[in-house]
Amino acid sequence: MFSIGAGGVPTFLARAAGSDKLLQPYKKNKVLVFIFQRGAMDGLMAVPPFTDQYLEAARPTLFMDAAKSTEEKSLINLDGRFGLHPSMAAFENLFKEKQLAIVHGMGSPNNTRSHFDAQDYMESGTPFNKGTASGWLNRAVGLLGHDATPFRAVSMTSAMPRSFYGDNETIAINNLADFAVQMKGNAAGANFSAKSFEDLYDQTSSSLLNKTGKESFDAVKILQHSNVKNYQPANGVIYPGSPLGKSLKQIAQLIKMDVGLEVAFAESGGWDTHFNQGTANGVFARNVADLSNSIGAFWKDVEQMQDNIVIMTATEFGRTVKQNGTGGTDHGRASCAFVVGNNVNGGKVHGNVLSLAPENLADGRDLAVTTDFRSMFCEVEAKHLNIHNNAVLFPGWKAESVGLMK
């Protein structure tokens, strides 16, 4: 379930298990929730510069306007230049309340259009080095600078994401109720799963746990004691039944349980829209509705803790400016990202998105990357988690300000 150090599970956590409470200073942590949109989201459809005549010409059947239409839903007008896809209505009020910031023209300086490579570069945080063993979130965990519980960094996935690879303790939990778990970070215990803590102990006690007694797992059973199967979100919130909705619901549970969560990871898939992308309806509309509705539900559920939480999304690259012959878009360069929090510089579309005239396009076809993804990641880490060691977080790179956080 987790990477075991020489001392095993901290004894203070075992003492806390009986009361389902954790002692200070592990309450009221700052929490970063990172959502990776796998497949390359079309940022020019999620948040299009709808006044750009070149975008309209390049997308004769995909272009959407903010003008009200009786035929289909129109874009949500954000600032007179950028619009929000109508299926992302859950984001509209967050933007108006300045709790949502959008970073446009965001991406990797590496021009690969391979999903695998681009995701690997972004999750490692080293876009020109394939040999980096650790992920940027794992390095961030190591820079937090204080003692932690085994639940400090949790990925709500069936397998450990590349972002969490490394020497610092991280865990992957597919489902809190089932405790289907995989571990990464300690090579001796990687890539196994167990349905219960007793099974986990029985399978590994001779080699991995060694001196760690079986009673140590009683501490981790705080999750079982918390009746996770019957969790009731606050404020009458109903989460989407999608994988992302379920993941964010469980992250909200962990935050409320005070188990020491500081970094959470979740995934959203299905963004590779090569054909039949659709406009107000279709696969893209369903995807952005799920993303915004899931985040919106989570944000309302954790209303009492919002000052301590930031949500950040990212995708490996964007899509081509011009639509293809099958009503979709192909692999491109820059996309956009969404950051939610009370301390973000919200109500703005950050970044430098030039006119989509041919001379401004990357490789003559794509929205150019004008904001390095590391700039966004770095600013959120610094202002929210108080991490300022950029040389470790993103080796060989000099930080650039986005103005994203207050």
Protein backbone atom coordinates (compact mmCIF):
# COMPACT_ATOMS: atom_id res chain seq x y z
CA MET A 1 0.00 0.00 0.00
CA PHE A 2 2.80 2.42 0.77
CA SER A 3 6.55 2.65 0.71
CA ILE A 4 7.97 1.47 4.03
CA GLY A 5 11.06 3.13 5.44
CA ALA A 6 13.29 1.66 8.08
CA GLY A 7 10.84 2.51 10.83
CA GLY A 8 7.65 1.32 9.19
CA VAL A 9 4.39 3.13 9.86
CA PRO A 10 4.86 6.07 12.26
CA THR A 11 3.80 5.12 15.78
CA PHE A 12 1.80 8.35 16.23
CA LEU A 13 -0.50 7.21 13.43
CA ALA A 14 -1.12 3.90 15.19
CA ARG A 15 -2.04 5.75 18.37
CA ALA A 16 -4.44 7.95 16.42
CA ALA A 17 -6.22 5.07 14.69
CA GLY A 18 -8.43 4.24 17.62
CA SER A 19 -10.02 7.67 17.69
CA ASP A 20 -10.09 8.15 13.90
CA LYS A 21 -8.24 11.43 14.45
CA LEU A 22 -4.76 12.61 13.61
CA LEU A 23 -2.84 14.99 15.82
CA GLN A 24 -1.48 18.37 14.84
CA PRO A 25 0.36 19.43 12.74
CA TYR A 26 -1.23 17.03 10.25
CA LYS A 27 -4.63 18.69 10.22
CA LYS A 28 -5.54 21.53 7.88
CA ASN A 29 -2.76 20.80 5.45
CA LYS A 30 -2.49 22.68 2.22
CA VAL A 31 -3.68 20.24 -0.43
CA LEU A 32 -2.87 20.20 -4.13
CA VAL A 33 -5.22 18.17 -6.33
CA PHE A 34 -3.64 17.51 -9.73
CA ILE A 35 -5.81 16.19 -12.59
CA PHE A 36 -4.09 14.86 -15.70
CA GLN A 37 -6.24 14.93 -18.86
CA ARG A 38 -4.82 12.08 -20.90
CA GLY A 39 -5.23 12.17 -24.66
CA ALA A 40 -4.54 15.86 -25.38
CA MET A 41 -7.47 18.22 -24.81
CA ASP A 42 -8.37 20.69 -27.55
CA GLY A 43 -7.86 23.94 -25.68
CA LEU A 44 -9.13 25.89 -28.67
CA MET A 45 -12.53 24.26 -28.22
CA ALA A 46 -12.60 24.30 -24.41
CA VAL A 47 -11.66 28.00 -24.25
CA PRO A 48 -11.70 29.37 -27.82
CA PRO A 49 -10.66 32.90 -28.82
CA PHE A 50 -14.01 33.20 -30.57
CA THR A 51 -13.35 36.63 -32.08
CA ASP A 52 -10.40 35.28 -34.09
CA GLN A 53 -11.41 35.13 -37.76
CA TYR A 54 -8.63 32.64 -38.50
CA LEU A 55 -10.06 30.14 -36.02
CA GLU A 56 -13.48 30.41 -37.63
CA ALA A 57 -12.01 29.86 -41.09
CA ALA A 58 -9.93 26.89 -39.93
CA ARG A 59 -12.89 25.15 -38.33
CA PRO A 60 -15.91 25.48 -40.60
CA THR A 61 -17.95 22.81 -38.76
CA LEU A 62 -16.30 22.94 -35.33
CA PHE A 63 -16.26 26.69 -34.71
CA MET A 64 -18.57 27.95 -31.97
CA ASP A 65 -19.62 31.52 -31.26
CA ALA A 66 -20.73 33.37 -28.16
CA ALA A 67 -23.69 34.89 -30.00
CA LYS A 68 -26.98 33.48 -28.80
CA SER A 69 -28.41 30.95 -31.22
CA THR A 70 -31.66 29.09 -31.33
CA GLU A 71 -30.00 26.16 -33.10
CA GLU A 72 -27.53 25.13 -30.42
CA LYS A 73 -25.98 26.32 -27.20
CA SER A 74 -23.54 29.19 -27.56
CA LEU A 75 -20.21 29.74 -25.86
CA ILE A 76 -20.10 31.31 -22.42
CA ASN A 77 -18.50 34.72 -22.97
CA LEU A 78 -15.68 35.12 -20.45
CA ASP A 79 -14.07 38.43 -21.36
CA GLY A 80 -15.12 39.49 -24.85
CA ARG A 81 -12.31 37.53 -26.48
CA PHE A 82 -12.34 34.06 -24.94
CA GLY A 83 -15.36 31.85 -24.47
CA LEU A 84 -16.01 28.77 -22.38
CA HIS A 85 -17.55 25.68 -23.96
CA PRO A 86 -21.26 25.60 -23.05
CA SER A 87 -20.92 22.15 -21.49
CA MET A 88 -18.57 23.70 -18.92
CA ALA A 89 -21.32 25.76 -17.31
CA ALA A 90 -20.17 24.49 -13.92
CA PHE A 91 -17.08 26.66 -14.35
CA GLU A 92 -18.93 29.87 -15.21
CA ASN A 93 -19.68 30.97 -11.66
CA LEU A 94 -16.22 29.93 -10.45
CA PHE A 95 -14.74 32.23 -13.09
CA LYS A 96 -17.07 35.09 -12.15
CA GLU A 97 -16.24 34.62 -8.46
CA LYS A 98 -12.53 34.69 -9.37
CA GLN A 99 -11.93 31.21 -8.02
CA LEU A 100 -11.04 29.86 -11.47
CA ALA A 101 -8.01 30.93 -13.49
CA ILE A 102 -7.31 29.66 -17.01
CA VAL A 103 -3.81 29.37 -18.44
CA HIS A 104 -3.90 29.39 -22.26
CA GLY A 105 -1.10 28.62 -24.67
CA MET A 106 0.29 26.23 -22.04
CA GLY A 107 2.33 23.20 -23.02
CA SER A 108 5.73 21.62 -23.32
CA PRO A 109 8.74 23.14 -25.08
CA ASN A 110 9.38 19.68 -26.53
CA ASN A 111 7.55 19.45 -29.86
CA THR A 112 6.82 15.73 -29.75
CA ARG A 113 3.33 14.71 -30.80
CA SER A 114 3.58 11.28 -29.22
CA HIS A 115 1.08 10.87 -26.38
CA PHE A 116 3.39 8.53 -24.49
CA ASP A 117 6.46 10.74 -24.74
CA ALA A 118 4.63 13.99 -24.07
CA GLN A 119 2.91 12.59 -20.98
CA ASP A 120 6.20 11.15 -19.76
CA TYR A 121 8.00 14.47 -20.21
CA MET A 122 5.27 16.43 -18.47
CA GLU A 123 4.94 14.04 -15.54
CA SER A 124 8.69 13.82 -15.04
CA GLY A 125 8.97 17.60 -15.35
CA THR A 126 12.01 17.27 -17.61
CA PRO A 127 10.79 17.75 -21.20
CA PHE A 128 14.14 17.02 -22.82
CA ASN A 129 15.36 14.19 -20.62
CA LYS A 130 13.89 10.72 -20.95
CA GLY A 131 16.21 9.32 -18.32
CA THR A 132 14.67 11.11 -15.33
CA ALA A 133 13.70 8.42 -12.84
CA SER A 134 11.38 10.48 -10.66
CA GLY A 135 8.19 12.41 -11.25
CA TRP A 136 7.78 16.09 -10.45
CA LEU A 137 5.06 15.46 -7.87
CA ASN A 138 7.22 12.91 -6.08
CA ARG A 139 10.02 15.46 -5.92
CA ALA A 140 7.55 18.03 -4.61
CA VAL A 141 6.54 15.63 -1.85
CA GLY A 142 10.18 15.36 -0.84
CA LEU A 143 10.43 19.15 -0.60
CA LEU A 144 7.47 19.64 1.73
CA GLY A 145 9.90 19.75 4.64
CA HIS A 146 8.02 18.12 7.49
CA ASP A 147 7.01 14.74 8.89
CA ALA A 148 4.11 13.08 7.17
CA THR A 149 1.57 10.30 7.37
CA PRO A 150 1.49 7.46 4.82
CA PHE A 151 -1.37 9.33 3.17
CA ARG A 152 0.59 12.47 2.33
CA ALA A 153 0.56 11.73 -1.42
CA VAL A 154 -2.28 9.65 -2.86
CA SER A 155 -3.10 8.78 -6.46
CA MET A 156 -6.67 7.64 -7.07
CA THR A 157 -5.61 5.27 -9.83
CA SER A 158 -5.15 1.53 -10.25
CA ALA A 159 -1.47 1.98 -11.13
CA MET A 160 1.10 4.48 -9.92
CA PRO A 161 1.27 7.48 -12.30
CA ARG A 162 4.59 8.64 -13.68
CA SER A 163 4.21 11.87 -11.69
CA PHE A 164 4.56 9.89 -8.45
CA TYR A 165 7.60 7.78 -9.36
CA GLY A 166 10.53 8.26 -7.02
CA ASP A 167 12.03 7.69 -3.61
CA ASN A 168 9.47 9.62 -1.57
CA GLU A 169 6.51 7.71 -0.15
CA THR A 170 3.42 7.77 -2.36
CA ILE A 171 0.47 5.42 -2.67
CA ALA A 172 -2.01 4.49 -5.39
CA ILE A 173 -5.50 3.48 -4.28
CA ASN A 174 -8.02 2.49 -6.92
CA ASN A 175 -10.98 2.39 -4.57
CA LEU A 176 -11.07 3.28 -0.89
CA ALA A 177 -13.78 0.73 -0.18
CA ASP A 178 -11.97 -2.20 -1.79
CA PHE A 179 -8.43 -1.17 -0.91
CA ALA A 180 -7.14 -2.41 -4.26
CA VAL A 181 -3.70 -0.93 -3.98
CA GLN A 182 -0.42 -0.76 -5.85
CA MET A 183 2.81 0.58 -4.48
CA LYS A 184 5.70 2.40 -6.10
CA GLY A 185 8.76 4.12 -4.68
CA ASN A 186 10.26 1.15 -2.86
CA ALA A 187 11.47 -1.26 -5.52
CA ALA A 188 11.15 -4.23 -3.17
CA GLY A 189 7.42 -3.69 -2.85
CA ALA A 190 6.40 -2.33 -6.22
CA ASN A 191 3.54 -3.64 -8.30
CA PHE A 192 1.56 -5.79 -5.94
CA SER A 193 -2.03 -5.53 -4.84
CA ALA A 194 -4.11 -6.71 -1.91
CA LYS A 195 -7.77 -6.57 -0.97
CA SER A 196 -7.11 -6.11 2.72
CA PHE A 197 -4.33 -5.00 4.98
CA GLU A 198 -4.09 -8.49 6.43
CA ASP A 199 -3.57 -9.93 2.95
CA LEU A 200 -0.97 -7.28 2.29
CA TYR A 201 0.90 -8.23 5.44
CA ASP A 202 0.68 -11.96 4.81
CA GLN A 203 2.06 -11.56 1.28
CA THR A 204 4.99 -9.39 2.18
CA SER A 205 5.88 -9.76 5.86
CA SER A 206 8.93 -11.93 5.27
CA SER A 207 10.64 -9.64 2.78
CA LEU A 208 9.19 -6.15 2.65
CA LEU A 209 7.87 -5.47 6.14
CA ASN A 210 10.58 -7.33 8.00
CA LYS A 211 10.63 -5.62 11.41
CA THR A 212 7.29 -3.91 10.99
CA GLY A 213 4.66 -5.65 13.13
CA LYS A 214 1.23 -6.53 11.87
CA GLU A 215 -0.26 -4.13 14.39
CA SER A 216 1.14 -1.28 12.29
CA PHE A 217 -1.61 -1.89 9.79
CA ASP A 218 -4.18 -1.10 12.46
CA ALA A 219 -3.19 2.51 11.96
CA VAL A 220 -4.04 2.41 8.29
CA LYS A 221 -7.43 0.88 9.12
CA ILE A 222 -8.56 4.37 9.99
CA LEU A 223 -9.96 4.34 6.47
CA GLN A 224 -12.07 1.27 7.21
CA HIS A 225 -13.33 2.78 10.45
CA SER A 226 -14.55 5.81 8.59
CA ASN A 227 -17.34 3.99 6.74
CA VAL A 228 -16.11 5.12 3.35
CA LYS A 229 -18.77 3.11 1.52
CA ASN A 230 -21.50 5.30 2.97
CA TYR A 231 -19.84 8.68 2.58
CA GLN A 232 -22.33 11.52 2.16
CA PRO A 233 -20.95 14.64 0.42
CA ALA A 234 -21.73 18.01 1.94
CA ASN A 235 -24.20 20.55 0.58
CA GLY A 236 -26.30 17.94 -1.20
CA VAL A 237 -23.54 17.40 -3.76
CA ILE A 238 -24.00 14.65 -6.32
CA TYR A 239 -20.80 13.67 -8.12
CA PRO A 240 -20.80 12.40 -11.71
CA GLY A 241 -20.57 8.63 -11.85
CA SER A 242 -17.49 8.82 -14.07
CA PRO A 243 -14.03 7.63 -13.04
CA LEU A 244 -13.00 11.25 -12.44
CA GLY A 245 -16.10 11.99 -10.40
CA LYS A 246 -15.50 8.92 -8.25
CA SER A 247 -11.83 9.83 -7.77
CA LEU A 248 -12.56 13.38 -6.67
CA LYS A 249 -15.28 12.16 -4.31
CA GLN A 250 -12.74 9.90 -2.62
CA ILE A 251 -10.15 12.67 -2.46
CA ALA A 252 -12.74 14.82 -0.69
CA GLN A 253 -13.24 11.97 1.80
CA LEU A 254 -9.53 11.77 2.52
CA ILE A 255 -9.29 15.52 3.03
CA LYS A 256 -12.17 15.48 5.50
CA MET A 257 -10.73 12.50 7.36
CA ASP A 258 -7.60 14.47 8.35
CA VAL A 259 -5.26 11.65 7.38
CA GLY A 260 -2.51 14.05 6.33
CA LEU A 261 -3.24 14.31 2.60
CA GLU A 262 -1.19 17.01 0.86
CA VAL A 263 -0.87 15.93 -2.79
CA ALA A 264 -3.64 14.08 -4.64
CA PHE A 265 -3.62 12.82 -8.22
CA ALA A 266 -6.53 11.91 -10.49
CA GLU A 267 -6.96 11.20 -14.20
CA SER A 268 -9.43 12.06 -16.93
CA GLY A 269 -9.26 10.18 -20.23
CA GLY A 270 -10.76 10.23 -23.70
CA TRP A 271 -9.37 13.54 -25.00
CA ASP A 272 -7.90 12.19 -28.26
CA THR A 273 -10.56 13.60 -30.60
CA HIS A 274 -9.36 12.70 -34.09
CA PHE A 275 -12.85 12.33 -35.54
CA ASN A 276 -16.46 13.39 -34.84
CA GLN A 277 -15.34 15.81 -32.16
CA GLY A 278 -18.70 17.58 -32.12
CA THR A 279 -19.53 21.08 -30.95
CA ALA A 280 -22.24 21.70 -28.33
CA ASN A 281 -22.89 17.95 -28.38
CA GLY A 282 -20.65 14.96 -28.95
CA VAL A 283 -17.63 13.34 -27.36
CA PHE A 284 -15.79 16.57 -26.57
CA ALA A 285 -18.87 18.12 -24.99
CA ARG A 286 -19.33 15.05 -22.80
CA ASN A 287 -15.70 15.14 -21.72
CA VAL A 288 -15.63 18.81 -20.72
CA ALA A 289 -18.98 18.43 -18.98
CA ASP A 290 -17.56 15.60 -16.90
CA LEU A 291 -14.38 17.56 -16.11
CA SER A 292 -16.18 20.72 -15.03
CA ASN A 293 -19.05 18.97 -13.25
CA SER A 294 -16.66 16.71 -11.33
CA ILE A 295 -14.48 19.63 -10.25
CA GLY A 296 -17.54 21.73 -9.46
CA ALA A 297 -19.01 18.98 -7.27
CA PHE A 298 -15.71 18.49 -5.45
CA TRP A 299 -15.30 22.21 -4.85
CA LYS A 300 -18.77 22.50 -3.35
CA ASP A 301 -18.24 19.37 -1.26
CA VAL A 302 -15.07 20.79 0.34
CA GLU A 303 -16.52 24.26 0.81
CA GLN A 304 -15.39 24.50 4.44
CA MET A 305 -11.80 23.64 3.45
CA GLN A 306 -11.47 25.67 0.26
CA ASP A 307 -8.85 28.06 1.63
CA ASN A 308 -6.44 25.14 1.91
CA ILE A 309 -7.06 23.49 -1.46
CA VAL A 310 -5.94 24.19 -5.03
CA ILE A 311 -7.03 22.10 -8.04
CA MET A 312 -4.84 22.14 -11.15
CA THR A 313 -5.34 20.40 -14.48
CA ALA A 314 -2.93 19.68 -17.32
CA THR A 315 -2.90 17.81 -20.63
CA GLU A 316 0.09 16.60 -22.63
CA PHE A 317 -0.52 18.83 -25.68
CA GLY A 318 -3.30 20.47 -27.65
CA ARG A 319 -4.87 19.94 -31.07
CA THR A 320 -4.35 21.42 -34.51
CA VAL A 321 -5.94 24.79 -35.27
CA LYS A 322 -7.44 23.41 -38.48
CA GLN A 323 -9.98 20.63 -38.30
CA ASN A 324 -9.32 17.48 -40.26
CA GLY A 325 -11.45 15.72 -42.86
CA THR A 326 -13.30 13.56 -40.34
CA GLY A 327 -14.67 16.33 -38.14
CA GLY A 328 -11.92 16.11 -35.59
CA THR A 329 -8.55 17.62 -34.76
CA ASP A 330 -5.10 16.07 -34.80
CA HIS A 331 -2.15 16.25 -32.42
CA GLY A 332 -0.95 19.80 -31.88
CA ARG A 333 1.12 21.83 -29.44
CA ALA A 334 -0.38 24.20 -26.85
CA SER A 335 -3.61 23.72 -24.93
CA CYS A 336 -5.07 25.34 -21.82
CA ALA A 337 -5.27 24.44 -18.15
CA PHE A 338 -7.66 25.20 -15.31
CA VAL A 339 -6.65 26.20 -11.77
CA VAL A 340 -9.24 26.51 -8.99
CA GLY A 341 -8.67 27.99 -5.56
CA ASN A 342 -9.45 30.92 -3.30
CA ASN A 343 -5.89 32.18 -3.67
CA VAL A 344 -5.61 32.03 -7.45
CA ASN A 345 -5.62 35.17 -9.55
CA GLY A 346 -8.96 34.10 -10.94
CA GLY A 347 -11.49 35.51 -13.36
CA LYS A 348 -8.72 35.82 -15.96
CA VAL A 349 -7.39 33.95 -18.97
CA HIS A 350 -3.64 34.01 -18.39
CA GLY A 351 -1.00 33.50 -21.05
CA ASN A 352 -0.15 35.01 -24.40
CA VAL A 353 -2.36 33.70 -27.19
CA LEU A 354 -1.53 35.45 -30.45
CA SER A 355 -3.82 35.75 -33.42
CA LEU A 356 -4.12 32.39 -35.15
CA ALA A 357 -2.83 33.81 -38.41
CA PRO A 358 -0.61 31.28 -40.25
CA GLU A 359 2.59 33.19 -39.47
CA ASN A 360 1.93 32.88 -35.72
CA LEU A 361 1.35 29.13 -35.68
CA ALA A 362 3.89 26.59 -34.48
CA ASP A 363 5.04 24.50 -37.46
CA GLY A 364 2.49 26.39 -39.51
CA ARG A 365 -0.40 24.46 -37.96
CA ASP A 366 -0.62 24.68 -34.16
CA LEU A 367 -1.29 27.09 -31.33
CA ALA A 368 2.20 28.00 -30.14
CA VAL A 369 3.38 27.20 -26.61
CA THR A 370 3.87 30.54 -24.91
CA THR A 371 3.67 29.30 -21.30
CA ASP A 372 5.93 26.42 -20.30
CA PHE A 373 3.94 23.93 -18.20
CA ARG A 374 6.67 24.13 -15.56
CA SER A 375 5.93 27.82 -15.04
CA MET A 376 2.39 26.98 -14.01
CA PHE A 377 3.38 23.98 -11.90
CA CYS A 378 6.17 25.92 -10.22
CA GLU A 379 4.04 28.92 -9.29
CA VAL A 380 1.30 26.79 -7.77
CA GLU A 381 3.86 24.80 -5.76
CA ALA A 382 5.58 27.93 -4.51
CA LYS A 383 2.53 29.96 -3.55
CA HIS A 384 0.33 27.11 -2.32
CA LEU A 385 2.69 24.47 -0.90
CA ASN A 386 5.54 26.85 -0.05
CA ILE A 387 8.06 24.94 -2.16
CA HIS A 388 10.82 27.15 -3.52
CA ASN A 389 13.58 24.75 -4.54
CA ASN A 390 13.19 24.95 -8.32
CA ALA A 391 16.57 23.34 -8.93
CA VAL A 392 15.23 20.09 -7.48
CA LEU A 393 11.65 20.42 -8.62
CA PHE A 394 12.54 21.17 -12.25
CA PRO A 395 16.28 20.61 -12.72
CA GLY A 396 18.06 22.64 -15.36
CA TRP A 397 15.23 25.14 -15.80
CA LYS A 398 14.74 28.73 -14.72
CA ALA A 399 11.27 29.65 -13.46
CA GLU A 400 9.16 32.25 -15.22
CA SER A 401 6.22 33.99 -13.55
CA VAL A 402 2.70 33.47 -14.87
CA GLY A 403 0.90 35.74 -12.40
CA LEU A 404 -1.42 32.84 -11.71
CA MET A 405 -1.46 32.99 -7.91
CA LYS A 406 -2.10 35.88 -5.57
